[in-house]
């Protein structure tokens, strides 16, 4: 079982990857989250409220992965469940990383076996008139 501090450490690792790509923030505060908040909707909320980054959480079939912007967060069925950041998709290979496994490269077939197909990605077409 993953301990409490590991959830916060993993959350901050993944959050920092997205924030640094989408903003000029060089350093972000560390969030001390608990197990119940370790989910894509909490990532969505923090990104919008604290960094004004609008995101979408959606089910994406693995065959359609090249249609979403990267980086994207995804839940993987590894070690009882973990989040990872998908950095890119190139020539049938998916490049992802997280705090436990480091940088990984998987074929679409393997990734499809470990992926829950629920992704969080930046919504570059968001309409600022609502919110």
N, C-alpha and C. Protein backbone atom coordinates (compact mmCIF):
# COMPACT_ATOMS: atom_id res chain seq x y z
N UNK A 1 0.84 -1.18 0.00
CA UNK A 1 0.00 0.00 0.00
C UNK A 1 0.89 1.25 0.00
N UNK A 2 0.53 2.21 -0.82
CA UNK A 2 1.28 3.46 -0.90
C UNK A 2 0.94 4.31 0.32
N UNK A 3 1.95 4.88 0.95
CA UNK A 3 1.68 5.68 2.15
C UNK A 3 1.18 7.08 1.79
N UNK A 4 0.66 7.75 2.77
CA UNK A 4 0.03 9.07 2.61
C UNK A 4 0.95 10.07 1.93
N UNK A 5 2.19 10.18 2.37
CA UNK A 5 3.09 11.17 1.81
C UNK A 5 3.38 10.92 0.34
N UNK A 6 3.31 9.67 -0.07
CA UNK A 6 3.60 9.34 -1.45
C UNK A 6 2.54 9.94 -2.40
N UNK A 7 1.29 9.98 -1.98
CA UNK A 7 0.24 10.59 -2.81
C UNK A 7 0.55 12.05 -3.07
N UNK A 8 0.91 12.77 -2.04
CA UNK A 8 1.23 14.19 -2.19
C UNK A 8 2.48 14.36 -3.06
N UNK A 9 3.47 13.53 -2.86
CA UNK A 9 4.70 13.61 -3.65
C UNK A 9 4.41 13.35 -5.13
N UNK A 10 3.62 12.35 -5.41
CA UNK A 10 3.25 12.02 -6.78
C UNK A 10 2.41 13.14 -7.40
N UNK A 11 1.43 13.64 -6.66
CA UNK A 11 0.57 14.73 -7.13
C UNK A 11 1.42 15.93 -7.52
N UNK A 12 2.34 16.34 -6.66
CA UNK A 12 3.18 17.51 -6.91
C UNK A 12 4.11 17.30 -8.10
N UNK A 13 4.65 16.11 -8.25
CA UNK A 13 5.51 15.77 -9.38
C UNK A 13 4.77 15.97 -10.70
N UNK A 14 3.55 15.41 -10.79
CA UNK A 14 2.76 15.49 -12.02
C UNK A 14 2.25 16.90 -12.28
N UNK A 15 1.78 17.56 -11.23
CA UNK A 15 1.28 18.92 -11.35
C UNK A 15 2.36 19.85 -11.87
N UNK A 16 3.55 19.72 -11.32
CA UNK A 16 4.67 20.57 -11.72
C UNK A 16 5.00 20.39 -13.21
N UNK A 17 4.90 19.18 -13.72
CA UNK A 17 5.19 18.92 -15.14
C UNK A 17 4.24 19.72 -16.04
N UNK A 18 2.96 19.72 -15.70
CA UNK A 18 1.99 20.45 -16.52
C UNK A 18 2.13 21.95 -16.34
N UNK A 19 2.25 22.41 -15.11
CA UNK A 19 2.33 23.85 -14.84
C UNK A 19 3.56 24.46 -15.52
N UNK A 20 4.69 23.80 -15.44
CA UNK A 20 5.91 24.34 -16.06
C UNK A 20 5.79 24.42 -17.57
N UNK A 21 5.08 23.48 -18.18
CA UNK A 21 4.91 23.53 -19.63
C UNK A 21 3.93 24.63 -20.04
N UNK A 22 2.90 24.86 -19.25
CA UNK A 22 1.82 25.77 -19.63
C UNK A 22 1.98 27.20 -19.12
N UNK A 23 2.90 27.44 -18.20
CA UNK A 23 3.06 28.78 -17.63
C UNK A 23 4.54 29.13 -17.54
N UNK A 24 4.80 30.33 -17.06
CA UNK A 24 6.18 30.75 -16.81
C UNK A 24 6.61 30.47 -15.38
N UNK A 25 5.75 29.81 -14.61
CA UNK A 25 6.08 29.52 -13.21
C UNK A 25 7.28 28.57 -13.15
N UNK A 26 8.30 28.99 -12.48
CA UNK A 26 9.48 28.15 -12.32
C UNK A 26 9.37 27.28 -11.08
N UNK A 27 8.62 27.77 -10.11
CA UNK A 27 8.47 27.03 -8.85
C UNK A 27 7.02 27.13 -8.41
N UNK A 28 6.46 26.01 -8.02
CA UNK A 28 5.09 26.02 -7.51
C UNK A 28 5.09 25.50 -6.09
N UNK A 29 4.08 25.94 -5.34
CA UNK A 29 3.99 25.47 -3.96
C UNK A 29 3.68 23.98 -3.94
N UNK A 30 4.04 23.34 -2.87
CA UNK A 30 3.75 21.92 -2.70
C UNK A 30 2.38 21.77 -2.06
N UNK A 31 1.57 20.90 -2.63
CA UNK A 31 0.23 20.62 -2.10
C UNK A 31 0.31 19.39 -1.22
N UNK A 32 -0.27 19.50 -0.05
CA UNK A 32 -0.29 18.37 0.88
C UNK A 32 -1.68 17.74 0.80
N UNK A 33 -1.83 16.79 -0.12
CA UNK A 33 -3.15 16.20 -0.35
C UNK A 33 -3.26 14.85 0.34
N UNK A 34 -4.48 14.38 0.48
CA UNK A 34 -4.70 13.05 1.03
C UNK A 34 -5.18 12.12 -0.07
N UNK A 35 -5.34 10.88 0.26
CA UNK A 35 -5.73 9.84 -0.68
C UNK A 35 -7.03 10.18 -1.42
N UNK A 36 -8.01 10.70 -0.73
CA UNK A 36 -9.31 10.98 -1.33
C UNK A 36 -9.23 12.06 -2.41
N UNK A 37 -8.25 12.95 -2.33
CA UNK A 37 -8.09 14.02 -3.30
C UNK A 37 -7.16 13.65 -4.46
N UNK A 38 -6.61 12.46 -4.43
CA UNK A 38 -5.66 12.03 -5.47
C UNK A 38 -6.46 11.49 -6.66
N UNK A 39 -7.01 12.43 -7.47
CA UNK A 39 -7.82 12.04 -8.62
C UNK A 39 -7.74 13.13 -9.69
N UNK A 40 -8.19 12.81 -10.89
CA UNK A 40 -8.10 13.75 -12.01
C UNK A 40 -8.93 15.01 -11.81
N UNK A 41 -10.04 14.89 -11.10
CA UNK A 41 -10.89 16.06 -10.88
C UNK A 41 -10.23 17.06 -9.93
N UNK A 42 -9.43 16.56 -8.98
CA UNK A 42 -8.69 17.47 -8.10
C UNK A 42 -7.56 18.16 -8.88
N UNK A 43 -6.87 17.40 -9.75
CA UNK A 43 -5.88 18.01 -10.63
C UNK A 43 -6.56 19.13 -11.44
N UNK A 44 -7.71 18.84 -12.01
CA UNK A 44 -8.46 19.80 -12.82
C UNK A 44 -8.75 21.06 -12.01
N UNK A 45 -9.23 20.89 -10.80
CA UNK A 45 -9.59 22.01 -9.94
C UNK A 45 -8.37 22.88 -9.59
N UNK A 46 -7.29 22.27 -9.20
CA UNK A 46 -6.07 23.02 -8.84
C UNK A 46 -5.52 23.76 -10.05
N UNK A 47 -5.48 23.09 -11.19
CA UNK A 47 -4.95 23.74 -12.40
C UNK A 47 -5.78 24.98 -12.77
N UNK A 48 -7.09 24.88 -12.65
CA UNK A 48 -7.95 26.01 -13.00
C UNK A 48 -7.88 27.12 -11.95
N UNK A 49 -8.05 26.77 -10.67
CA UNK A 49 -8.12 27.77 -9.62
C UNK A 49 -6.79 28.46 -9.34
N UNK A 50 -5.72 27.69 -9.30
CA UNK A 50 -4.43 28.26 -8.89
C UNK A 50 -3.55 28.72 -10.05
N UNK A 51 -3.79 28.18 -11.25
CA UNK A 51 -2.90 28.51 -12.37
C UNK A 51 -3.63 28.99 -13.63
N UNK A 52 -4.96 29.08 -13.55
CA UNK A 52 -5.77 29.50 -14.67
C UNK A 52 -5.51 28.66 -15.93
N UNK A 53 -5.32 27.37 -15.72
CA UNK A 53 -5.14 26.42 -16.82
C UNK A 53 -6.43 25.61 -16.91
N UNK A 54 -7.13 25.76 -18.01
CA UNK A 54 -8.39 25.02 -18.19
C UNK A 54 -8.10 23.66 -18.78
N UNK A 55 -8.67 22.64 -18.19
CA UNK A 55 -8.42 21.28 -18.65
C UNK A 55 -9.74 20.54 -18.87
N UNK A 56 -9.63 19.42 -19.53
CA UNK A 56 -10.75 18.53 -19.78
C UNK A 56 -10.40 17.16 -19.22
N UNK A 57 -11.36 16.52 -18.59
CA UNK A 57 -11.21 15.12 -18.18
C UNK A 57 -12.17 14.35 -19.06
N UNK A 58 -11.63 13.39 -19.83
CA UNK A 58 -12.48 12.67 -20.79
C UNK A 58 -11.96 11.26 -21.02
N UNK A 59 -12.90 10.39 -21.41
CA UNK A 59 -12.53 9.03 -21.83
C UNK A 59 -12.08 9.11 -23.28
N UNK A 60 -10.87 8.64 -23.53
CA UNK A 60 -10.29 8.64 -24.87
C UNK A 60 -9.86 7.21 -25.20
N UNK A 61 -10.35 6.70 -26.29
CA UNK A 61 -9.90 5.37 -26.73
C UNK A 61 -8.44 5.47 -27.14
N UNK A 62 -7.68 4.46 -26.86
CA UNK A 62 -6.25 4.49 -27.09
C UNK A 62 -5.92 4.76 -28.57
N UNK A 63 -6.79 4.31 -29.47
CA UNK A 63 -6.57 4.54 -30.90
C UNK A 63 -6.67 6.03 -31.25
N UNK A 64 -7.29 6.82 -30.39
CA UNK A 64 -7.47 8.25 -30.63
C UNK A 64 -6.51 9.12 -29.84
N UNK A 65 -5.50 8.52 -29.23
CA UNK A 65 -4.61 9.26 -28.33
C UNK A 65 -3.87 10.39 -29.05
N UNK A 66 -3.60 10.23 -30.32
CA UNK A 66 -2.87 11.28 -31.02
C UNK A 66 -3.71 12.53 -31.24
N UNK A 67 -5.01 12.46 -30.95
CA UNK A 67 -5.89 13.62 -31.14
C UNK A 67 -5.91 14.56 -29.93
N UNK A 68 -5.28 14.18 -28.83
CA UNK A 68 -5.28 15.04 -27.65
C UNK A 68 -3.93 15.76 -27.51
N UNK A 69 -3.94 16.94 -26.89
CA UNK A 69 -2.67 17.65 -26.68
C UNK A 69 -1.87 17.01 -25.54
N UNK A 70 -0.57 17.11 -25.64
CA UNK A 70 0.32 16.59 -24.59
C UNK A 70 1.04 17.75 -23.92
N UNK A 71 1.36 17.62 -22.65
CA UNK A 71 1.22 16.44 -21.82
C UNK A 71 -0.23 16.21 -21.40
N UNK A 72 -0.52 14.96 -21.03
CA UNK A 72 -1.84 14.59 -20.53
C UNK A 72 -1.66 13.67 -19.34
N UNK A 73 -2.53 13.80 -18.36
CA UNK A 73 -2.49 12.90 -17.20
C UNK A 73 -3.42 11.72 -17.47
N UNK A 74 -3.05 10.57 -16.94
CA UNK A 74 -3.84 9.35 -17.13
C UNK A 74 -3.68 8.47 -15.89
N UNK A 75 -4.71 7.68 -15.62
CA UNK A 75 -4.65 6.71 -14.52
C UNK A 75 -4.24 5.36 -15.10
N UNK A 76 -3.24 4.74 -14.48
CA UNK A 76 -2.74 3.44 -14.93
C UNK A 76 -3.02 2.37 -13.89
N UNK A 77 -3.29 1.17 -14.37
CA UNK A 77 -3.58 0.03 -13.50
C UNK A 77 -2.27 -0.69 -13.14
N UNK A 78 -1.39 0.00 -12.48
CA UNK A 78 -0.10 -0.56 -12.05
C UNK A 78 0.04 -0.38 -10.55
N UNK A 79 0.55 -1.36 -9.87
CA UNK A 79 0.77 -1.26 -8.41
C UNK A 79 -0.48 -0.82 -7.67
N UNK A 80 -1.63 -1.32 -8.06
CA UNK A 80 -2.87 -0.94 -7.40
C UNK A 80 -3.45 0.37 -7.89
N UNK A 81 -2.82 0.97 -8.86
CA UNK A 81 -3.31 2.22 -9.46
C UNK A 81 -2.36 3.37 -9.22
N UNK A 82 -2.04 4.10 -10.27
CA UNK A 82 -1.13 5.23 -10.18
C UNK A 82 -1.42 6.20 -11.32
N UNK A 83 -1.09 7.46 -11.13
CA UNK A 83 -1.22 8.43 -12.20
C UNK A 83 0.11 8.61 -12.90
N UNK A 84 0.04 8.95 -14.17
CA UNK A 84 1.24 9.19 -14.97
C UNK A 84 0.96 10.34 -15.91
N UNK A 85 2.03 10.91 -16.43
CA UNK A 85 1.92 11.96 -17.43
C UNK A 85 2.37 11.39 -18.76
N UNK A 86 1.52 11.50 -19.75
CA UNK A 86 1.86 11.07 -21.10
C UNK A 86 2.46 12.29 -21.79
N UNK A 87 3.72 12.16 -22.17
CA UNK A 87 4.43 13.29 -22.77
C UNK A 87 4.26 13.37 -24.28
N UNK A 88 4.12 12.21 -24.93
CA UNK A 88 3.95 12.23 -26.38
C UNK A 88 3.55 10.86 -26.92
N UNK A 89 3.13 10.90 -28.16
CA UNK A 89 2.82 9.69 -28.92
C UNK A 89 3.52 9.84 -30.26
N UNK A 90 4.39 8.89 -30.58
CA UNK A 90 5.14 8.96 -31.84
C UNK A 90 5.33 7.56 -32.40
N UNK A 91 4.98 7.39 -33.65
CA UNK A 91 5.22 6.14 -34.39
C UNK A 91 4.76 4.91 -33.62
N UNK A 92 3.54 4.96 -33.08
CA UNK A 92 2.98 3.80 -32.40
C UNK A 92 3.48 3.57 -30.99
N UNK A 93 4.24 4.51 -30.46
CA UNK A 93 4.77 4.38 -29.09
C UNK A 93 4.28 5.52 -28.22
N UNK A 94 4.00 5.19 -26.98
CA UNK A 94 3.52 6.18 -26.01
C UNK A 94 4.61 6.41 -24.98
N UNK A 95 4.98 7.67 -24.80
CA UNK A 95 6.04 8.06 -23.88
C UNK A 95 5.39 8.66 -22.64
N UNK A 96 5.62 8.01 -21.49
CA UNK A 96 5.00 8.47 -20.26
C UNK A 96 6.00 8.38 -19.12
N UNK A 97 5.63 9.05 -18.01
CA UNK A 97 6.49 8.97 -16.82
C UNK A 97 5.67 9.22 -15.57
N UNK A 98 6.18 8.73 -14.48
CA UNK A 98 5.66 9.09 -13.17
C UNK A 98 6.76 8.93 -12.14
N UNK A 99 6.44 9.25 -10.91
CA UNK A 99 7.45 9.27 -9.87
C UNK A 99 7.96 7.87 -9.51
N UNK A 100 7.12 6.85 -9.71
CA UNK A 100 7.51 5.48 -9.36
C UNK A 100 8.28 4.76 -10.45
N UNK A 101 7.88 4.95 -11.70
CA UNK A 101 8.45 4.20 -12.81
C UNK A 101 9.43 4.99 -13.66
N UNK A 102 9.54 6.29 -13.41
CA UNK A 102 10.41 7.11 -14.23
C UNK A 102 9.87 7.23 -15.63
N UNK A 103 10.75 7.45 -16.60
CA UNK A 103 10.34 7.58 -17.99
C UNK A 103 10.18 6.20 -18.62
N UNK A 104 9.06 6.03 -19.33
CA UNK A 104 8.73 4.75 -19.95
C UNK A 104 8.30 4.95 -21.39
N UNK A 105 8.49 3.91 -22.20
CA UNK A 105 8.01 3.88 -23.57
C UNK A 105 7.25 2.57 -23.74
N UNK A 106 5.99 2.66 -24.17
CA UNK A 106 5.16 1.46 -24.38
C UNK A 106 4.57 1.47 -25.78
N UNK A 107 4.34 0.27 -26.29
CA UNK A 107 3.56 0.16 -27.52
C UNK A 107 2.12 0.50 -27.18
N UNK A 108 1.33 0.80 -28.19
CA UNK A 108 -0.08 1.09 -27.95
C UNK A 108 -0.77 -0.13 -27.33
N UNK A 109 -0.41 -1.32 -27.76
CA UNK A 109 -1.03 -2.55 -27.24
C UNK A 109 -0.79 -2.69 -25.75
N UNK A 110 0.46 -2.53 -25.32
CA UNK A 110 0.77 -2.64 -23.90
C UNK A 110 0.12 -1.52 -23.11
N UNK A 111 0.22 -0.29 -23.61
CA UNK A 111 -0.36 0.84 -22.89
C UNK A 111 -1.87 0.66 -22.72
N UNK A 112 -2.52 0.13 -23.72
CA UNK A 112 -3.96 -0.11 -23.65
C UNK A 112 -4.31 -1.09 -22.53
N UNK A 113 -3.42 -2.02 -22.23
CA UNK A 113 -3.65 -3.01 -21.16
C UNK A 113 -3.52 -2.39 -19.78
N UNK A 114 -2.70 -1.37 -19.64
CA UNK A 114 -2.46 -0.78 -18.32
C UNK A 114 -3.21 0.53 -18.10
N UNK A 115 -3.84 1.05 -19.14
CA UNK A 115 -4.48 2.36 -19.10
C UNK A 115 -5.97 2.24 -18.83
N UNK A 116 -6.51 3.17 -18.03
CA UNK A 116 -7.95 3.23 -17.76
C UNK A 116 -8.70 4.07 -18.80
N UNK A 117 -7.97 4.69 -19.73
CA UNK A 117 -8.53 5.49 -20.81
C UNK A 117 -9.23 6.78 -20.35
N UNK A 118 -8.99 7.22 -19.14
CA UNK A 118 -9.49 8.50 -18.67
C UNK A 118 -8.29 9.45 -18.61
N UNK A 119 -8.37 10.53 -19.38
CA UNK A 119 -7.26 11.46 -19.51
C UNK A 119 -7.67 12.86 -19.05
N UNK A 120 -6.69 13.60 -18.56
CA UNK A 120 -6.84 15.03 -18.29
C UNK A 120 -5.86 15.73 -19.21
N UNK A 121 -6.34 16.70 -19.98
CA UNK A 121 -5.46 17.43 -20.87
C UNK A 121 -5.91 18.89 -20.95
N UNK A 122 -4.99 19.75 -21.36
CA UNK A 122 -5.27 21.18 -21.44
C UNK A 122 -6.29 21.44 -22.55
N UNK A 123 -7.26 22.29 -22.24
CA UNK A 123 -8.29 22.68 -23.20
C UNK A 123 -7.87 24.01 -23.83
N UNK A 124 -7.17 23.93 -24.94
CA UNK A 124 -6.68 25.14 -25.60
C UNK A 124 -7.80 25.92 -26.29
N UNK A 125 -8.95 25.31 -26.45
CA UNK A 125 -10.08 25.97 -27.11
C UNK A 125 -11.12 26.47 -26.13
N UNK A 126 -10.79 26.51 -24.84
CA UNK A 126 -11.74 26.94 -23.82
C UNK A 126 -12.20 28.36 -24.07
N UNK A 127 -13.47 28.56 -23.89
CA UNK A 127 -14.08 29.88 -24.04
C UNK A 127 -14.03 30.58 -22.68
N UNK A 128 -13.33 31.69 -22.59
CA UNK A 128 -13.19 32.39 -21.31
C UNK A 128 -14.45 33.10 -20.87
N UNK A 129 -15.47 33.12 -21.71
CA UNK A 129 -16.70 33.82 -21.33
C UNK A 129 -17.53 33.05 -20.32
N UNK A 130 -17.29 31.78 -20.18
CA UNK A 130 -17.97 31.01 -19.12
C UNK A 130 -16.94 30.65 -18.07
N UNK A 131 -17.34 30.21 -16.93
CA UNK A 131 -16.43 29.72 -15.89
C UNK A 131 -16.99 30.00 -14.56
